[in-house]
Protein backbone atom coordinates (compact mmCIF):
# COMPACT_ATOMS: atom_id res chain seq x y z
CA MET A 1 91.05 147.11 18.83
CA THR A 2 88.38 144.88 17.35
CA CYS A 3 89.51 141.84 19.44
CA GLY A 4 89.46 143.89 22.61
CA ALA A 5 85.90 145.04 21.89
CA ARG A 6 84.74 141.46 21.30
CA ILE A 7 86.38 140.24 24.53
CA PHE A 8 84.65 143.03 26.46
CA HIS A 9 81.34 142.21 24.73
CA TYR A 10 81.43 138.48 25.57
CA SER A 11 82.65 139.02 29.14
CA LYS A 12 79.62 141.24 29.66
CA LYS A 13 77.37 138.46 28.39
CA LEU A 14 79.00 135.92 30.74
CA ARG A 15 78.26 138.23 33.68
CA GLN A 16 74.62 138.33 32.62
CA THR A 17 74.52 134.51 32.51
CA HIS A 18 74.94 134.43 36.29
CA ASN A 19 71.62 136.25 36.75
CA ILE A 20 69.83 134.24 34.09
CA LEU A 21 70.66 130.89 35.66
CA ARG A 22 69.55 132.13 39.10
CA ASP A 23 65.89 131.96 38.02
CA ARG A 24 64.70 128.34 38.36
CA ALA A 25 62.13 128.75 35.61
CA ILE A 26 64.68 129.87 32.92
CA SER A 27 65.55 127.47 30.14
CA ILE A 28 68.99 127.70 28.51
CA ARG A 29 69.25 126.64 24.88
CA TRP A 30 72.15 126.13 22.57
CA ILE A 31 71.26 126.01 18.84
CA THR A 32 73.74 125.18 16.08
CA SER A 33 73.51 124.85 12.34
CA ASP A 34 73.89 121.06 12.44
CA ALA A 35 71.37 120.73 15.29
CA ARG A 36 74.04 119.60 17.77
CA PRO A 37 74.32 121.08 21.27
CA LEU A 38 77.37 123.25 21.81
CA ILE A 39 77.82 122.17 25.42
CA ASP A 40 81.41 121.14 24.76
CA LYS A 41 82.22 124.81 24.14
CA ILE A 42 81.20 125.81 27.63
CA ASP A 43 83.95 125.00 30.09
CA ASP A 44 82.42 126.28 33.27
CA ILE A 45 79.82 128.65 34.67
CA SER A 46 80.64 129.71 38.19
CA GLY A 47 78.76 131.62 40.81
CA PRO A 48 75.93 130.92 43.26
CA SER A 49 73.60 129.43 40.63
CA PRO A 50 71.04 126.71 41.42
CA ILE A 51 72.28 124.74 38.41
CA GLY A 52 75.92 123.92 37.62
CA ILE A 53 76.94 122.87 34.11
CA GLY A 54 79.97 120.64 33.78
CA HIS A 55 82.07 119.49 30.87
CA GLY A 56 80.51 117.44 28.08
CA ASP A 57 80.83 116.24 24.53
CA ARG A 58 78.57 115.70 21.55
CA ASN A 59 77.10 112.45 22.87
CA GLY A 60 76.38 113.36 26.44
CA PHE A 61 77.13 115.62 29.37
CA SER A 62 76.76 115.67 33.13
CA THR A 63 75.37 118.30 35.44
CA SER A 64 75.85 118.63 39.18
CA SER A 65 74.96 121.07 41.89
CA SER A 66 74.09 121.22 45.55
CA ARG A 67 70.45 120.45 44.61
CA GLY A 68 70.87 117.37 42.43
CA ARG A 69 72.83 115.33 39.95
CA PHE A 70 72.00 114.00 36.50
CA THR A 71 73.82 112.12 33.77
CA PRO A 72 71.88 111.51 30.53
CA SER A 73 72.58 108.41 28.53
CA HIS A 74 72.46 109.81 25.01
CA LEU A 75 71.95 113.00 23.05
CA SER A 76 70.83 112.57 19.44
CA ALA A 77 71.51 114.88 16.54
CA ASN A 78 67.95 114.34 15.34
CA GLY A 79 66.37 115.41 18.59
CA ALA A 80 67.04 116.93 21.94
CA THR A 81 66.94 115.94 25.56
CA VAL A 82 65.09 118.05 28.08
CA ILE A 83 66.37 117.71 31.62
CA SER A 84 64.19 118.70 34.55
CA ALA A 85 65.16 118.82 38.20
CA MET A 86 62.48 118.21 40.82
CA GLY A 87 63.50 119.04 44.37
CA THR A 88 62.43 116.56 47.01
CA ASN A 89 64.03 118.21 50.04
CA LYS A 90 66.59 120.77 51.06
CA SER A 91 69.61 118.60 50.41
CA ASN A 92 68.88 116.57 47.31
CA ALA A 93 66.85 116.59 44.13
CA LEU A 94 65.42 114.07 41.69
CA TRP A 95 66.33 114.52 38.06
CA THR A 96 64.37 113.06 35.17
CA ALA A 97 64.92 113.20 31.41
CA ARG A 98 62.66 112.94 28.40
CA LYS A 99 63.23 113.22 24.64
CA VAL A 100 61.55 115.70 22.33
CA HIS A 101 61.90 116.07 18.56
CA ALA A 102 63.59 119.45 18.29
CA PRO A 103 67.18 120.46 17.40
CA VAL A 104 67.75 122.14 20.77
CA VAL A 105 68.79 121.17 24.25
CA GLY A 106 67.01 122.84 27.12
CA LEU A 107 67.93 122.68 30.77
CA LEU A 108 64.87 123.21 32.96
CA CYS A 109 64.70 123.37 36.73
CA ASN A 110 61.32 122.58 38.28
CA SER A 111 60.42 122.48 41.96
CA GLN A 112 57.59 119.92 41.60
CA PRO A 113 58.20 117.17 44.22
CA GLN A 114 58.35 113.47 43.42
CA ASN A 115 56.41 111.46 46.01
CA SER A 116 57.77 108.06 46.94
CA ILE A 117 56.88 105.45 49.50
CA ARG A 118 60.43 105.29 50.86
CA SER A 119 62.65 108.38 50.97
CA PHE A 120 66.10 109.16 52.38
CA SER A 121 66.37 112.17 54.62
CA THR A 122 69.37 114.11 55.92
CA ASP A 123 67.67 116.77 58.03
CA SER A 124 70.06 118.82 60.13
CA GLY A 125 68.40 117.86 63.42
CA VAL A 126 68.38 114.08 62.97
CA PRO A 127 70.79 111.55 61.47
CA PRO A 128 70.25 109.96 58.04
CA HIS A 129 67.15 107.76 58.04
CA GLN A 130 64.61 106.00 55.85
CA GLU A 131 60.96 107.08 55.85
CA ILE A 132 58.59 104.14 55.30
CA GLY A 133 55.26 105.10 53.76
CA MET A 134 51.95 103.28 53.59
CA PRO A 135 52.34 100.96 50.57
CA SER A 136 49.73 100.29 47.90
CA LEU A 137 49.04 96.59 48.45
CA SER A 138 46.14 96.24 45.99
CA PRO A 139 45.20 97.91 42.70
CA THR A 140 42.23 99.76 44.22
CA MET A 141 43.82 100.74 47.52
CA THR A 142 43.89 104.46 48.38
CA GLU A 143 44.27 104.23 52.14
CA GLY A 144 44.82 101.53 54.74
CA ASN A 145 44.80 100.72 58.45
CA ILE A 146 47.58 99.39 60.68
CA ALA A 147 46.26 96.20 62.28
CA ARG A 148 49.33 95.60 64.46
CA TRP A 149 53.10 96.01 64.45
CA LEU A 150 55.17 92.84 64.64
CA LYS A 151 58.38 94.81 65.30
CA LYS A 152 59.01 97.24 68.14
CA GLU A 153 61.02 100.43 68.18
CA GLY A 154 64.70 99.57 68.42
CA ASP A 155 64.34 96.13 66.85
CA LYS A 156 66.70 95.14 64.07
CA VAL A 157 64.98 94.47 60.75
CA SER A 158 66.23 92.54 57.75
CA PRO A 159 64.95 92.27 54.17
CA GLY A 160 61.98 89.90 54.00
CA GLU A 161 60.98 90.23 57.66
CA VAL A 162 57.41 91.27 58.40
CA LEU A 163 57.16 94.77 59.87
CA CYS A 164 53.43 95.05 60.40
CA GLU A 165 50.01 93.87 59.25
CA VAL A 166 48.15 96.32 57.03
CA GLU A 167 44.39 96.18 56.56
CA THR A 168 43.81 97.03 52.89
CA ASP A 169 40.58 97.47 50.98
CA LYS A 170 40.52 93.71 50.40
CA ALA A 171 42.15 91.92 53.33
CA THR A 172 44.88 92.09 55.97
CA VAL A 173 48.29 91.83 54.30
CA GLU A 174 51.73 91.47 55.84
CA MET A 175 54.12 94.33 55.01
CA GLU A 176 57.71 93.17 54.63
CA CYS A 177 60.90 95.13 55.23
CA MET A 178 62.90 96.06 52.11
CA GLU A 179 66.27 97.02 53.63
CA GLU A 180 68.41 96.12 56.61
CA GLY A 181 68.49 98.48 59.57
CA TYR A 182 66.80 99.34 62.87
CA LEU A 183 63.21 100.45 63.47
CA ALA A 184 63.78 103.85 65.05
CA LYS A 185 60.27 105.29 65.30
CA ILE A 186 56.69 104.12 64.72
CA LEU A 187 54.63 107.14 63.70
CA ARG A 188 51.29 105.33 63.24
CA GLY A 189 50.67 102.71 65.92
CA ASP A 190 48.40 99.69 66.20
CA GLY A 191 44.85 100.37 65.14
CA SER A 192 45.65 103.53 63.18
CA SER A 193 43.08 103.99 60.43
CA GLY A 194 42.55 106.12 57.34
CA ILE A 195 46.26 106.28 56.44
CA LYS A 196 46.68 107.53 52.88
CA VAL A 197 48.94 105.61 50.50
CA GLY A 198 52.42 107.15 50.74
CA GLU A 199 51.87 108.67 54.19
CA ILE A 200 54.86 108.05 56.49
CA ILE A 201 54.19 105.39 59.12
CA ALA A 202 57.69 104.59 60.45
CA ILE A 203 61.36 105.59 60.44
CA THR A 204 64.34 103.24 60.08
CA VAL A 205 68.05 103.95 60.51
CA GLU A 206 71.22 102.09 59.56
CA GLU A 207 73.06 102.44 62.86
CA GLU A 208 71.69 101.19 66.19
CA GLU A 209 73.04 104.19 68.12
CA ASP A 210 70.83 106.49 66.00
CA VAL A 211 67.63 104.90 67.33
CA ALA A 212 67.68 106.91 70.57
CA LYS A 213 67.80 110.17 68.62
CA PHE A 214 64.30 109.51 67.28
CA LYS A 215 62.67 108.88 70.67
CA ASP A 216 60.80 112.19 70.66
CA TYR A 217 60.82 112.63 66.88
CA THR A 218 57.70 113.93 65.20
CA PRO A 219 57.40 115.08 61.59
CA SER A 220 57.95 118.82 61.81
CA ALA A 221 56.47 121.51 59.63
CA SER A 222 59.86 121.88 57.91
CA ASP A 223 59.76 118.21 56.92
CA ALA A 224 56.41 118.64 55.28
CA ALA A 225 57.20 122.07 53.89
CA PRO A 226 58.97 121.01 50.69
CA ALA A 227 55.95 119.07 49.49
CA PRO A 228 53.38 121.88 49.63
CA LYS A 229 55.90 124.58 48.74
CA ALA A 230 57.07 122.87 45.58
CA PRO A 231 53.78 122.86 43.69
CA SER A 232 53.09 126.41 44.83
CA ALA A 233 55.72 127.77 42.45
CA PRO A 234 54.00 126.79 39.20
CA THR A 235 50.55 127.43 40.67
CA GLN A 236 51.15 130.82 42.23
CA THR A 237 48.87 132.44 39.68
CA LYS A 238 45.94 130.17 40.61
CA PRO A 239 44.96 132.06 43.80
CA GLU A 240 45.12 135.33 41.85
CA VAL A 241 42.85 133.92 39.16
CA ALA A 242 40.52 132.51 41.80
CA GLU A 243 40.18 135.88 43.49
CA VAL A 244 38.53 137.41 40.43
CA PRO A 245 35.48 135.08 40.32
CA VAL A 246 35.18 135.26 44.11
CA THR A 247 34.24 138.91 43.95
CA SER A 248 32.13 138.66 40.83
CA PRO A 249 29.54 136.19 42.18
CA GLU A 250 28.87 138.59 45.05
CA PRO A 251 26.67 140.98 43.09
CA LYS A 252 25.18 138.00 41.23
CA VAL A 253 24.05 136.45 44.49
CA SER A 254 22.68 139.70 45.77
CA THR A 255 20.79 140.47 42.58
CA PRO A 256 17.95 137.92 42.94
CA SER A 257 17.51 138.48 46.67
CA ALA A 258 18.28 142.18 46.61
CA PRO A 259 15.02 143.63 45.37
CA SER A 260 12.84 144.43 48.36
CA SER A 261 9.21 145.44 48.42
CA ALA A 262 10.32 148.99 47.59
CA GLY A 263 12.32 147.78 44.61
CA ASN A 264 15.72 148.80 46.08
CA ARG A 265 18.86 146.64 46.05
CA ILE A 266 20.20 145.35 49.33
CA PHE A 267 23.99 145.13 49.60
CA ALA A 268 25.48 142.65 52.08
CA SER A 269 28.73 140.79 52.51
CA PRO A 270 28.75 137.04 51.66
CA LEU A 271 29.34 136.14 55.32
CA ALA A 272 26.38 138.27 56.38
CA ARG A 273 24.15 136.63 53.77
CA LYS A 274 25.20 133.17 54.90
CA LEU A 275 24.53 134.04 58.55
CA ALA A 276 21.14 135.48 57.64
CA GLU A 277 20.16 132.37 55.64
CA ASP A 278 21.20 130.04 58.48
CA ASN A 279 18.98 131.94 60.92
CA ASN A 280 16.06 132.66 58.54
CA VAL A 281 16.56 136.42 58.76
CA SER A 282 15.33 138.72 56.00
CA LEU A 283 17.93 141.26 54.95
CA SER A 284 15.22 143.83 54.29
CA ASN A 285 14.65 144.08 58.07
CA ILE A 286 18.26 145.01 58.82
CA LYS A 287 19.96 148.35 58.40
CA GLY A 288 23.57 148.10 57.28
CA THR A 289 26.38 149.92 59.06
CA GLY A 290 29.11 149.09 56.59
CA PRO A 291 30.47 151.24 53.73
CA ASP A 292 27.63 152.77 51.69
CA GLY A 293 25.05 151.12 53.96
CA ARG A 294 26.37 147.59 53.27
CA ILE A 295 25.12 144.91 55.69
CA VAL A 296 28.02 143.19 57.48
CA LYS A 297 28.28 140.26 59.89
CA ALA A 298 28.06 142.53 62.96
CA ASP A 299 24.67 143.84 61.80
CA ILE A 300 23.24 140.31 61.62
CA GLU A 301 24.65 139.43 65.04
CA ASP A 302 23.17 142.59 66.58
CA TYR A 303 19.80 141.80 65.04
CA LEU A 304 19.87 138.24 66.39
CA ALA A 305 20.85 139.53 69.84
CA SER A 306 17.96 141.97 69.82
CA ARG A 307 15.53 139.11 69.15
CA GLY A 308 16.53 137.54 72.45
CA LYS A 309 16.25 133.77 72.64
CA GLU A 310 13.71 133.32 69.88
CA VAL A 311 16.21 131.98 67.34
CA PRO A 312 17.92 129.40 69.58
CA GLN A 313 14.54 127.87 70.43
CA ALA A 314 14.20 126.31 66.95
CA PRO A 315 17.20 123.98 67.23
CA LYS A 316 16.03 122.83 70.67
CA ALA A 317 13.12 120.99 69.11
CA ASP A 318 15.51 119.12 66.79
CA THR A 319 17.73 118.29 69.76
CA THR A 320 14.88 116.68 71.66
CA ILE A 321 13.88 114.66 68.61
CA SER A 322 17.41 113.39 68.04
CA ALA A 323 17.87 112.73 71.75
CA ALA A 324 14.87 110.40 71.66
CA LEU A 325 16.62 108.20 69.05
CA ASP A 326 18.87 105.41 70.28
CA TYR A 327 21.56 104.46 67.78
CA THR A 328 25.16 103.30 67.39
CA ASP A 329 27.58 104.62 64.74
CA ILE A 330 29.58 101.73 63.26
CA PRO A 331 32.79 102.87 61.52
CA HIS A 332 33.32 101.72 57.94
CA THR A 333 35.88 99.00 57.37
CA GLN A 334 38.20 99.31 54.40
CA ILE A 335 36.56 96.39 52.57
CA ARG A 336 33.10 97.87 53.06
CA LYS A 337 34.12 101.30 51.78
CA VAL A 338 35.77 99.90 48.67
CA THR A 339 32.91 97.47 48.03
CA ALA A 340 30.45 100.35 48.23
CA LEU A 341 32.46 102.45 45.76
CA ARG A 342 32.90 99.60 43.28
CA LEU A 343 29.25 98.55 43.38
CA LEU A 344 28.12 102.15 42.99
CA GLN A 345 30.42 102.54 40.00
CA SER A 346 29.15 99.24 38.56
CA LYS A 347 25.48 100.13 38.89
CA GLN A 348 25.97 103.62 37.47
CA THR A 349 28.27 102.82 34.54
CA ILE A 350 27.47 99.23 33.47
CA PRO A 351 24.23 98.62 31.54
CA HIS A 352 22.85 95.64 33.47
CA TYR A 353 20.21 93.28 32.18
CA TYR A 354 19.03 90.03 33.75
CA LEU A 355 18.15 86.54 32.52
CA THR A 356 16.47 84.00 34.82
CA VAL A 357 16.00 80.27 34.28
CA ASP A 358 14.73 77.38 36.45
CA THR A 359 16.89 74.26 36.55
CA CYS A 360 15.81 70.83 37.74
CA VAL A 361 18.33 69.62 40.32
CA ASP A 362 17.03 66.10 41.06
CA LYS A 363 19.89 64.38 39.19
CA LEU A 364 22.36 66.83 40.68
CA MET A 365 21.26 65.90 44.20
CA GLU A 366 21.56 62.19 43.41
CA LEU A 367 25.07 62.63 42.04
CA ARG A 368 26.07 64.72 45.05
CA SER A 369 24.80 62.02 47.41
CA GLN A 370 26.87 59.37 45.62
CA LEU A 371 30.01 61.51 45.57
CA ASN A 372 29.69 62.36 49.27
CA SER A 373 29.45 58.68 50.10
CA LEU A 374 32.77 58.18 48.32
CA GLN A 375 34.25 61.21 50.02
CA GLU A 376 33.28 60.01 53.48
CA ALA A 377 34.70 56.57 52.77
CA SER A 378 38.03 58.09 51.71
CA GLY A 379 38.13 60.69 54.50
CA GLY A 380 37.54 63.65 52.18
CA LYS A 381 35.33 66.68 52.71
CA ARG A 382 31.71 66.74 51.60
CA ILE A 383 30.81 68.37 48.29
CA SER A 384 28.18 71.11 48.40
CA VAL A 385 25.64 72.18 45.79
CA ASN A 386 27.63 75.41 45.44
CA ASP A 387 30.72 73.40 44.42
CA LEU A 388 28.71 71.78 41.64
CA VAL A 389 27.34 75.18 40.58
CA ILE A 390 30.89 76.61 40.36
CA LYS A 391 32.01 73.68 38.22
CA ALA A 392 28.97 74.00 35.92
CA ALA A 393 29.49 77.77 35.56
CA ALA A 394 33.17 77.26 34.70
CA LEU A 395 32.39 74.65 32.03
CA ALA A 396 29.66 76.89 30.58
CA LEU A 397 32.17 79.75 30.34
CA ARG A 398 34.57 77.49 28.49
CA LYS A 399 31.74 76.52 26.14
CA VAL A 400 30.56 80.14 25.62
CA PRO A 401 33.79 82.18 25.99
CA GLN A 402 32.08 85.47 25.03
CA CYS A 403 30.77 85.63 28.60
CA ASN A 404 34.29 85.23 29.98
CA SER A 405 35.26 88.77 28.91
CA SER A 406 35.70 92.36 30.05
CA TRP A 407 34.88 95.69 28.45
CA THR A 408 37.48 98.37 27.67
CA ASN A 409 37.07 101.55 25.65
CA ASP A 410 39.14 100.17 22.78
CA TYR A 411 38.37 96.45 22.76
CA ILE A 412 36.70 93.52 24.50
CA ARG A 413 39.22 91.39 26.38
CA GLN A 414 38.33 87.71 26.24
CA TYR A 415 40.09 85.61 28.87
CA HIS A 416 41.54 82.17 28.25
CA ASN A 417 41.56 81.32 31.95
CA VAL A 418 38.30 80.57 33.73
CA ASN A 419 38.69 82.01 37.25
CA ILE A 420 35.52 82.02 39.36
CA ASN A 421 35.11 84.50 42.22
CA VAL A 422 32.88 83.20 45.02
CA ALA A 423 31.03 85.75 47.17
CA VAL A 424 31.62 85.17 50.90
CA GLN A 425 29.86 87.23 53.59
CA THR A 426 31.84 88.03 56.76
CA ASP A 427 31.50 90.35 59.74
CA ASN A 428 33.89 92.80 58.06
CA GLY A 429 32.05 92.88 54.73
CA LEU A 430 31.76 91.00 51.45
CA TYR A 431 34.79 89.14 50.10
CA VAL A 432 35.15 87.43 46.72
CA PRO A 433 38.04 84.93 46.82
CA VAL A 434 38.87 83.34 43.48
CA ILE A 435 39.01 79.70 42.34
CA LYS A 436 41.53 79.78 39.51
CA ASP A 437 41.17 77.47 36.50
CA ALA A 438 37.94 76.09 37.92
CA ASP A 439 37.10 74.44 34.60
CA LYS A 440 40.19 72.21 34.88
CA LYS A 441 39.79 71.20 38.55
CA GLY A 442 37.84 68.33 40.01
CA LEU A 443 34.92 68.77 42.38
CA SER A 444 36.97 67.63 45.37
CA LYS A 445 39.69 70.21 44.65
CA ILE A 446 37.12 72.97 44.16
CA SER A 447 35.41 72.02 47.44
CA ASP A 448 38.68 72.14 49.38
CA GLU A 449 39.68 75.52 47.94
CA VAL A 450 36.28 77.10 48.58
CA LYS A 451 36.26 76.02 52.23
CA HIS A 452 39.87 77.12 52.74
CA LEU A 453 39.37 80.56 51.16
CA ALA A 454 36.06 81.12 52.96
CA GLN A 455 37.80 80.46 56.27
CA LYS A 456 40.60 82.89 55.40
CA ALA A 457 38.02 85.52 54.44
CA LYS A 458 36.26 85.17 57.80
CA GLU A 459 39.63 85.49 59.56
CA ASN A 460 40.43 88.56 57.43
CA SER A 461 43.68 86.97 56.28
CA LEU A 462 43.23 86.83 52.50
CA LYS A 463 46.23 87.79 50.41
CA PRO A 464 46.02 89.67 47.08
CA GLU A 465 46.57 86.48 45.09
CA ASP A 466 43.54 84.96 46.85
CA TYR A 467 41.06 87.43 45.34
CA GLU A 468 42.68 88.99 42.25
CA GLY A 469 42.36 87.74 38.68
CA GLY A 470 38.72 86.60 38.62
CA THR A 471 36.83 86.55 35.31
CA PHE A 472 33.30 85.66 36.53
CA THR A 473 31.49 85.67 39.88
CA VAL A 474 29.01 83.32 41.56
CA SER A 475 26.83 84.58 44.43
CA ASN A 476 24.71 81.98 46.25
CA LEU A 477 22.04 83.16 48.69
CA GLY A 478 19.77 80.19 48.17
CA GLY A 479 21.55 77.44 50.08
CA PRO A 480 22.59 79.42 53.19
CA PHE A 481 19.61 81.79 53.44
CA GLY A 482 16.77 80.26 51.43
CA ILE A 483 16.44 83.21 49.01
CA LYS A 484 14.33 82.03 46.10
CA GLN A 485 15.59 84.46 43.44
CA PHE A 486 17.59 87.70 43.28
CA CYS A 487 19.60 89.88 40.89
CA ALA A 488 23.27 90.47 41.71
CA ILE A 489 25.39 93.52 40.78
CA ILE A 490 28.26 92.85 38.39
CA ASN A 491 31.74 92.82 39.91
CA PRO A 492 33.79 95.13 37.63
CA PRO A 493 35.70 94.71 35.37
CA GLN A 494 33.88 91.42 34.81
CA SER A 495 30.85 91.28 32.53
CA GLY A 496 28.71 88.70 34.30
CA ILE A 497 27.65 87.39 37.70
CA LEU A 498 25.38 84.43 38.50
CA ALA A 499 22.87 84.78 41.34
CA VAL A 500 21.86 81.34 42.69
CA GLY A 501 18.57 80.89 44.53
CA SER A 502 17.29 78.03 46.68
CA ALA A 503 15.84 74.75 45.41
CA GLU A 504 12.17 74.04 46.01
CA LYS A 505 9.86 71.14 45.23
CA ARG A 506 7.20 71.69 42.59
CA VAL A 507 4.40 69.59 41.15
CA ILE A 508 4.96 68.87 37.45
CA PRO A 509 3.04 66.76 34.89
CA GLY A 510 3.84 63.05 34.89
CA GLY A 511 3.88 60.47 32.11
CA GLY A 512 0.07 60.10 31.79
CA PRO A 513 -2.71 62.64 31.35
CA ASP A 514 -3.76 62.49 35.00
CA GLN A 515 -0.37 61.76 36.48
CA TYR A 516 1.76 64.20 38.43
CA LYS A 517 5.13 64.04 40.14
CA PHE A 518 7.36 66.17 42.33
CA ALA A 519 10.64 67.69 41.20
CA SER A 520 13.14 70.14 42.74
CA PHE A 521 13.89 73.33 40.81
CA MET A 522 16.55 75.95 41.46
CA SER A 523 16.25 79.48 40.05
CA VAL A 524 19.39 81.19 38.78
CA THR A 525 19.69 84.74 37.41
CA LEU A 526 22.52 85.89 35.16
CA SER A 527 23.38 89.62 35.34
CA CYS A 528 25.05 90.70 32.09
CA ASP A 529 26.95 93.73 30.88
CA HIS A 530 25.11 94.53 27.66
CA ARG A 531 28.23 96.15 26.19
CA VAL A 532 29.92 92.74 26.16
CA ILE A 533 27.18 90.10 26.35
CA ASP A 534 24.25 90.40 23.99
CA GLY A 535 20.93 88.89 25.01
CA ALA A 536 21.31 85.86 22.74
CA ILE A 537 24.82 85.17 24.06
CA GLY A 538 23.60 85.36 27.65
CA ALA A 539 20.76 82.99 26.86
CA GLU A 540 23.19 80.59 25.18
CA TRP A 541 25.36 80.59 28.30
CA LEU A 542 22.35 79.88 30.54
CA LYS A 543 21.34 77.04 28.24
CA ALA A 544 24.80 75.49 28.59
CA PHE A 545 24.75 75.98 32.38
CA LYS A 546 21.30 74.42 32.69
CA GLY A 547 22.47 71.44 30.63
CA TYR A 548 25.33 70.76 33.03
CA ILE A 549 23.08 71.12 36.11
CA GLU A 550 20.29 68.89 34.81
CA ASN A 551 22.76 66.33 33.42
CA PRO A 552 25.59 66.51 35.94
CA GLU A 553 27.28 63.39 34.56
CA SER A 554 28.37 65.49 31.59
CA MET A 555 30.57 67.57 33.91
CA LEU A 556 32.68 64.48 34.58
CA LEU A 557 33.49 63.92 30.91
């Protein structure tokens, strides 16, 4: 009789398990005395549950269902493994695992989606296909533009082939195909702009006959539904919480403006108050027709209508003023938007200070003249003053490595490579291609690289390796534009930038008491991050730089 009662008791519990597993937010735990999961004691749980539990042993187990599949690698007796399922679409799910230090095993089902650049879809209306998203082609990229597609719909694509050219926040980069197939549909054509990273731009299929099925394909609401629906499950309580403060500010807003000349409160809906403020209408002049005399939107509209055309006359004056202005709105390029954000961040978060010194460049000009004579004789390119400045800055950084550093919250990172970014102005914005290991390269090599990278910047064809990895920046406005002196903004995460002005002739004392001579001086200003470079260190670096400029032969040693 006792055995029969126990069998009835446990069969009742197994029937309850069906309802427990139906809730996606329920966690199932097995706890034993030796902290080992008792999964091997559960042979099967059947029924229309979102999670199926298969057979297992003490070291691992596997789970499978119509929504996903997971196989953990190890279960430890000293800890537990928590398995979470994140649904990505109607037909499959992404499972992830993490370890926690607790003698339990919990099986959790979560509907939070996992975004990926490329995803496989098996929608009922279309054949299996790959969705290609906008890739992140630089560390600071958040959105990009499609410059042009190099493949057309229906073309066969192979791994390594270029699909399209993407305009990133730095340059135009070629986007290569990752898998073999056929380009079935281009969702964002040539010239498309403001495409967020991860947003779908094209569809590929494995079979050529499936291309025609995507001729009129557009991402439907059902395709996008899983993404917004998934996070709504854990955040369903947020709208309810938000509704409480929405109603509470209403009396708070009405309190300061409510007292009229008679000292009575004026009750009005938020929309009515907003409409009254926009049209400069005093609520004390309006009688409310809402509940308990509350002023509603219709009361404001009736009051405005009764005033005739007096209110619309005010904007007419603004319209005539704006109509008299002649202007053109120029859309932001990606490089200009990112440059603006980075410079704003730099100026707001980095404590800048500036050190200026005048350097005599007479010997530098003589050396340059001699080197250019040799270059012309050998068929090489001419060396500019900026090339000599880059070399001197690189050698000064090697001599004072504290300036070749970056600030982090936990430490100062001091670089062993001296990579000089060179500011280049183009029609699309400001680019800073990098001369890597400038301290180890000759002047001829530096000159060739600067000219080559400047040309690529003007053609908007720089690649990420052409501008990433710089440790210091040089900005020269003196030679091209004749700017005498200026202060540049630091290019984060670097800690210094050198602003180079133009050279000018000055009268200086000669050898005798009444003797004078002319000399050419160039002003340079070092912008420093005071968190990394103290004033004395910055002055030491400028002293080393000035020594190389005024004695350029030392750069050849």
